[in-house]
Amino acid sequence: MNQPTWQAFDIAELKQRVQGHEPRFFEFLGSGRLSGAIYRLPASATDLQGPHLEDEVYVVLEGEARLRIDSAEQEVRPGLVLFIPADTRHAFVDIRKDLTLLALFSASARPGRP
């Protein structure tokens, strides 16, 4: 039997995978050309990620914070879509409300994120 070439994911179910009081990252898609994850940072958490070897898109599902990109900063709120080029230093800072993000990555040169 052939595997389907497409997949469907329920955001509510994915968000349940990252509940808790610690930062959590759950990768739900890894096709070789694109990967997807749910990333959750509770209020006041520290985002320890560094630059990635792949382009990245964040869709902000919940929360309030700022995204520091090199020396610039961007306010973050639900509904915002953020593009981060590969090898760009970035981190979420001043996390005022629990932050939940849908993260999409282009083809990866290395395993593991963030």
Protein backbone atom coordinates (compact mmCIF):
# COMPACT_ATOMS: atom_id res chain seq x y z
CA MET A 1 0.00 0.00 0.00
CA ASN A 2 1.39 3.43 -0.95
CA GLN A 3 1.94 6.16 1.61
CA PRO A 4 -0.03 9.35 0.85
CA THR A 5 2.00 12.19 -0.63
CA TRP A 6 0.20 14.70 1.56
CA GLN A 7 -0.51 15.00 5.28
CA ALA A 8 -2.94 16.96 7.45
CA PHE A 9 -2.19 18.22 10.96
CA ASP A 10 -4.57 19.62 13.58
CA ILE A 11 -3.17 22.74 15.29
CA ALA A 12 -5.15 22.09 18.49
CA GLU A 13 -3.67 18.59 18.78
CA LEU A 14 -0.16 19.86 18.06
CA LYS A 15 -0.50 22.58 20.71
CA GLN A 16 -1.38 19.91 23.28
CA ARG A 17 1.99 18.24 22.59
CA VAL A 18 3.88 21.30 23.92
CA GLN A 19 1.85 22.19 27.00
CA GLY A 20 3.66 22.71 30.29
CA HIS A 21 5.81 25.15 32.22
CA GLU A 22 9.07 24.62 30.31
CA PRO A 23 10.03 25.58 26.75
CA ARG A 24 9.01 22.76 24.41
CA PHE A 25 9.62 21.93 20.77
CA PHE A 26 7.77 19.20 18.89
CA GLU A 27 8.70 18.42 15.28
CA PHE A 28 5.66 16.98 13.51
CA LEU A 29 6.89 17.05 9.91
CA GLY A 30 10.23 16.11 8.41
CA SER A 31 9.99 15.49 4.68
CA GLY A 32 13.60 16.20 3.72
CA ARG A 33 12.57 19.33 1.85
CA LEU A 34 10.49 20.94 4.57
CA SER A 35 10.06 20.43 8.28
CA GLY A 36 7.45 21.75 10.67
CA ALA A 37 7.28 22.10 14.42
CA ILE A 38 5.29 23.62 17.24
CA TYR A 39 7.47 25.69 19.56
CA ARG A 40 6.23 26.92 22.94
CA LEU A 41 7.94 29.38 25.26
CA PRO A 42 6.16 30.14 28.56
CA ALA A 43 6.04 33.73 29.81
CA SER A 44 9.44 34.87 31.16
CA ALA A 45 11.24 31.89 29.56
CA THR A 46 14.63 32.26 27.88
CA ASP A 47 14.85 31.33 24.21
CA LEU A 48 18.23 29.63 23.79
CA GLN A 49 18.15 28.99 20.05
CA GLY A 50 20.96 30.08 17.79
CA PRO A 51 21.17 30.63 14.05
CA HIS A 52 19.87 27.81 11.86
CA LEU A 53 21.34 26.50 8.63
CA GLU A 54 17.92 26.71 6.97
CA ASP A 55 15.42 29.47 6.20
CA GLU A 56 12.62 29.60 8.74
CA VAL A 57 9.05 30.91 8.92
CA TYR A 58 7.23 31.43 12.22
CA VAL A 59 3.45 31.78 12.44
CA VAL A 60 2.53 33.24 15.82
CA LEU A 61 -0.45 31.32 17.22
CA GLU A 62 -0.56 32.70 20.77
CA GLY A 63 1.31 35.04 23.08
CA GLU A 64 3.20 38.30 23.22
CA ALA A 65 6.94 38.89 23.02
CA ARG A 66 9.62 40.53 20.91
CA LEU A 67 11.79 38.83 18.32
CA ARG A 68 15.40 39.99 18.30
CA ILE A 69 16.91 39.58 14.82
CA ASP A 70 20.60 40.51 14.82
CA SER A 71 20.38 44.05 16.27
CA ALA A 72 16.73 44.74 15.27
CA GLU A 73 13.58 43.89 17.23
CA GLN A 74 10.02 43.10 16.14
CA GLU A 75 6.92 42.97 18.35
CA VAL A 76 5.31 39.54 18.19
CA ARG A 77 1.56 38.90 18.46
CA PRO A 78 -0.93 36.28 17.26
CA GLY A 79 -1.48 36.27 13.51
CA LEU A 80 1.97 37.58 12.63
CA VAL A 81 4.11 35.65 10.11
CA LEU A 82 7.88 36.07 10.45
CA PHE A 83 10.59 35.05 7.97
CA ILE A 84 14.15 34.47 9.23
CA PRO A 85 16.87 33.80 6.62
CA ALA A 86 19.36 30.99 7.24
CA ASP A 87 22.35 31.83 9.46
CA THR A 88 20.58 34.83 11.06
CA ARG A 89 20.94 35.29 14.82
CA HIS A 90 17.50 35.50 16.40
CA ALA A 91 15.70 34.81 19.66
CA PHE A 92 12.38 35.59 21.30
CA VAL A 93 12.83 37.99 24.22
CA ASP A 94 10.59 39.78 26.72
CA ILE A 95 8.03 36.96 26.58
CA ARG A 96 5.05 38.57 28.31
CA LYS A 97 2.40 35.93 27.54
CA ASP A 98 2.98 32.23 26.81
CA LEU A 99 4.20 32.08 23.21
CA THR A 100 3.14 29.30 20.82
CA LEU A 101 4.58 29.27 17.31
CA LEU A 102 4.22 27.18 14.20
CA ALA A 103 7.76 26.91 12.80
CA LEU A 104 8.48 25.85 9.22
CA PHE A 105 12.03 25.15 8.06
CA SER A 106 13.44 24.72 4.56
CA ALA A 107 15.59 21.67 3.79
CA SER A 108 17.91 21.05 6.72
CA ALA A 109 21.65 20.66 6.58
CA ARG A 110 21.67 19.20 10.09
CA PRO A 111 19.26 17.39 12.41
CA GLY A 112 17.70 18.94 15.49
CA ARG A 113 16.22 22.32 16.29
CA PRO A 114 16.01 24.97 17.65
